[in-house]
Structures are given as C-alpha cells and as structure tokens.
Amino acid sequence: MITDDIKRCLHSVKHTFHALKEEYNDGLTAKQIEDALKDGFELIEDYPDDPRGKSCLLLTWVDVTPVHVVCAPHEGDLIIITVYIPSEDEWEDNFKQRK
C-alpha cells in the first residue's frame, strides 16, 4: 500500500522547486510539512497509474491548518510534488472530499 511506502520514506524527503514555491506562497516551510507528515496523514486520493510514477494526495495538518500534499515515494525518498491549503469552496468541511 502506498501509505506504507510513504512511511518508509519519511526519513528522506525531497521537495520539488514547485513544492517549495507553493509552500512559501502559503506561508509554510519544508520542515513544517515534513514534521506534519511525520505526525500523521490521511490518504485522500491514490494515483497508482500516474505516467510519471505512482503518487497520491495526502491530508495533514500544520497546527490547525489543513494541508494537502501531493507526493510520490521514489527509490527510498519521498518526493513532495506540490503542497497547498485546500479551499473550502472546492472541498467538503473535512477536506477529504471534493465538492
């Protein structure tokens, strides 16, 4: 299961330039994202057939702020592809289901 792969890769997290830019735009740091993932996450969407390799959308929390993380376990590393604070206009109150 992809969540097991992610947990095994949390010791080595790499952020794409795009992810770092989005984190900055949302007032978040790479360390906050990594710490939040280590504290826990929920699988929201799984993308096993992504042509670039399996990836998924996770929900985690930085303090009281919900954060969506698109990531991919790859060769022992967890690649953070993008990060964003989910919009209440696009997501249900639990931030787990699209409206």
C-alpha atoms as a PDB file:
ATOM      1  CA  MET A   1       0.000   0.000   0.000  1.00  0.00           C
ATOM      2  CA  ILE A   2       1.300   3.458  -0.859  1.00  0.00           C
ATOM      3  CA  THR A   3       0.885   4.741   2.716  1.00  0.00           C
ATOM      4  CA  ASP A   4       3.350   2.086   3.916  1.00  0.00           C
ATOM      5  CA  ASP A   5       5.806   3.191   1.214  1.00  0.00           C
ATOM      6  CA  ILE A   6       5.415   6.812   2.339  1.00  0.00           C
ATOM      7  CA  LYS A   7       6.056   5.960   5.987  1.00  0.00           C
ATOM      8  CA  ARG A   8       9.229   4.092   5.000  1.00  0.00           C
ATOM      9  CA  CYS A   9      10.452   7.145   3.053  1.00  0.00           C
ATOM     10  CA  LEU A  10       9.802   9.837   5.682  1.00  0.00           C
ATOM     11  CA  HIS A  11      13.465   9.743   6.723  1.00  0.00           C
ATOM     12  CA  SER A  12      14.451  11.144   3.320  1.00  0.00           C
ATOM     13  CA  VAL A  13      12.103  13.825   1.996  1.00  0.00           C
ATOM     14  CA  LYS A  14      12.854  15.910  -1.083  1.00  0.00           C
ATOM     15  CA  HIS A  15      10.777  18.868  -2.234  1.00  0.00           C
ATOM     16  CA  THR A  16      10.471  19.866  -5.867  1.00  0.00           C
ATOM     17  CA  PHE A  17      11.102  23.505  -6.701  1.00  0.00           C
ATOM     18  CA  HIS A  18       7.382  23.822  -7.406  1.00  0.00           C
ATOM     19  CA  ALA A  19       6.524  22.450  -3.951  1.00  0.00           C
ATOM     20  CA  LEU A  20       8.948  24.841  -2.245  1.00  0.00           C
ATOM     21  CA  LYS A  21       7.405  27.753  -4.129  1.00  0.00           C
ATOM     22  CA  GLU A  22       3.864  26.725  -3.157  1.00  0.00           C
ATOM     23  CA  GLU A  23       4.896  26.211   0.472  1.00  0.00           C
ATOM     24  CA  TYR A  24       6.391  29.696   0.534  1.00  0.00           C
ATOM     25  CA  ASN A  25       3.264  31.200  -1.065  1.00  0.00           C
ATOM     26  CA  ASP A  26       1.116  29.577   1.651  1.00  0.00           C
ATOM     27  CA  GLY A  27       3.404  30.707   4.481  1.00  0.00           C
ATOM     28  CA  LEU A  28       4.664  27.196   5.153  1.00  0.00           C
ATOM     29  CA  THR A  29       8.157  25.751   5.376  1.00  0.00           C
ATOM     30  CA  ALA A  30       9.528  22.447   4.151  1.00  0.00           C
ATOM     31  CA  LYS A  31      10.263  21.492   7.755  1.00  0.00           C
ATOM     32  CA  GLN A  32       6.662  22.176   8.790  1.00  0.00           C
ATOM     33  CA  ILE A  33       5.425  19.892   6.004  1.00  0.00           C
ATOM     34  CA  GLU A  34       7.882  17.143   6.909  1.00  0.00           C
ATOM     35  CA  ASP A  35       7.046  17.380  10.627  1.00  0.00           C
ATOM     36  CA  ALA A  36       3.314  17.333   9.862  1.00  0.00           C
ATOM     37  CA  LEU A  37       3.675  14.203   7.717  1.00  0.00           C
ATOM     38  CA  LYS A  38       5.689  12.501  10.456  1.00  0.00           C
ATOM     39  CA  ASP A  39       2.934  13.393  12.951  1.00  0.00           C
ATOM     40  CA  GLY A  40       0.339  11.751  10.715  1.00  0.00           C
ATOM     41  CA  PHE A  41      -1.539  11.931   7.452  1.00  0.00           C
ATOM     42  CA  GLU A  42      -4.551  10.505   5.669  1.00  0.00           C
ATOM     43  CA  LEU A  43      -4.652   9.196   2.137  1.00  0.00           C
ATOM     44  CA  ILE A  44      -7.218  11.215   0.165  1.00  0.00           C
ATOM     45  CA  GLU A  45      -6.572  10.082  -3.420  1.00  0.00           C
ATOM     46  CA  ASP A  46      -4.257   7.419  -4.824  1.00  0.00           C
ATOM     47  CA  TYR A  47      -2.800   7.761  -8.315  1.00  0.00           C
ATOM     48  CA  PRO A  48      -1.230   4.324  -8.992  1.00  0.00           C
ATOM     49  CA  ASP A  49      -1.295   4.760 -12.772  1.00  0.00           C
ATOM     50  CA  ASP A  50       0.292   8.203 -12.978  1.00  0.00           C
ATOM     51  CA  PRO A  51       2.590   8.045 -16.032  1.00  0.00           C
ATOM     52  CA  ARG A  52       5.375   9.704 -14.015  1.00  0.00           C
ATOM     53  CA  GLY A  53       5.119   7.022 -11.316  1.00  0.00           C
ATOM     54  CA  LYS A  54       2.692   6.225  -8.530  1.00  0.00           C
ATOM     55  CA  SER A  55       1.748   9.193  -6.392  1.00  0.00           C
ATOM     56  CA  CYS A  56      -1.033  10.306  -4.082  1.00  0.00           C
ATOM     57  CA  LEU A  57      -2.790  13.175  -2.349  1.00  0.00           C
ATOM     58  CA  LEU A  58      -2.480  13.320   1.438  1.00  0.00           C
ATOM     59  CA  LEU A  59      -4.176  15.409   4.087  1.00  0.00           C
ATOM     60  CA  THR A  60      -2.044  16.519   7.008  1.00  0.00           C
ATOM     61  CA  TRP A  61      -2.194  19.400   9.474  1.00  0.00           C
ATOM     62  CA  VAL A  62       0.248  22.189  10.312  1.00  0.00           C
ATOM     63  CA  ASP A  63      -1.014  23.332  13.685  1.00  0.00           C
ATOM     64  CA  VAL A  64      -4.731  23.890  12.943  1.00  0.00           C
ATOM     65  CA  THR A  65      -4.269  24.423   9.203  1.00  0.00           C
ATOM     66  CA  PRO A  66      -5.238  21.617   6.830  1.00  0.00           C
ATOM     67  CA  VAL A  67      -2.643  20.965   4.151  1.00  0.00           C
ATOM     68  CA  HIS A  68      -2.840  18.818   1.034  1.00  0.00           C
ATOM     69  CA  VAL A  69       0.401  17.225  -0.100  1.00  0.00           C
ATOM     70  CA  VAL A  70       0.864  15.516  -3.450  1.00  0.00           C
ATOM     71  CA  CYS A  71       3.818  13.186  -3.127  1.00  0.00           C
ATOM     72  CA  ALA A  72       5.483  10.118  -4.555  1.00  0.00           C
ATOM     73  CA  PRO A  73       7.708   7.526  -2.922  1.00  0.00           C
ATOM     74  CA  HIS A  74      10.666   7.006  -5.250  1.00  0.00           C
ATOM     75  CA  GLU A  75      13.790   4.913  -4.697  1.00  0.00           C
ATOM     76  CA  GLY A  76      13.714   5.322  -0.908  1.00  0.00           C
ATOM     77  CA  ASP A  77      12.921   9.042  -0.984  1.00  0.00           C
ATOM     78  CA  LEU A  78       9.589  10.785  -0.567  1.00  0.00           C
ATOM     79  CA  ILE A  79       9.245  13.388  -3.302  1.00  0.00           C
ATOM     80  CA  ILE A  80       6.936  16.271  -2.396  1.00  0.00           C
ATOM     81  CA  ILE A  81       5.450  17.349  -5.725  1.00  0.00           C
ATOM     82  CA  THR A  82       3.169  20.129  -4.562  1.00  0.00           C
ATOM     83  CA  VAL A  83       1.569  21.459  -1.395  1.00  0.00           C
ATOM     84  CA  TYR A  84      -1.488  23.635  -0.915  1.00  0.00           C
ATOM     85  CA  ILE A  85      -4.026  24.705   1.660  1.00  0.00           C
ATOM     86  CA  PRO A  86      -7.328  23.268   0.427  1.00  0.00           C
ATOM     87  CA  SER A  87     -10.038  25.761  -0.445  1.00  0.00           C
ATOM     88  CA  GLU A  88     -13.307  25.494   1.445  1.00  0.00           C
ATOM     89  CA  ASP A  89     -15.007  26.318  -1.872  1.00  0.00           C
ATOM     90  CA  GLU A  90     -13.611  23.161  -3.502  1.00  0.00           C
ATOM     91  CA  TRP A  91     -13.503  20.714  -0.583  1.00  0.00           C
ATOM     92  CA  GLU A  92     -16.022  19.458   1.968  1.00  0.00           C
ATOM     93  CA  ASP A  93     -15.569  20.550   5.582  1.00  0.00           C
ATOM     94  CA  ASN A  94     -13.361  17.535   6.338  1.00  0.00           C
ATOM     95  CA  PHE A  95     -11.012  18.453   3.427  1.00  0.00           C
ATOM     96  CA  LYS A  96     -11.164  14.819   2.299  1.00  0.00           C
ATOM     97  CA  GLN A  97     -13.814  15.000  -0.405  1.00  0.00           C
ATOM     98  CA  ARG A  98     -14.210  17.299  -3.356  1.00  0.00           C
ATOM     99  CA  LYS A  99     -17.494  19.199  -3.612  1.00  0.00           C
END
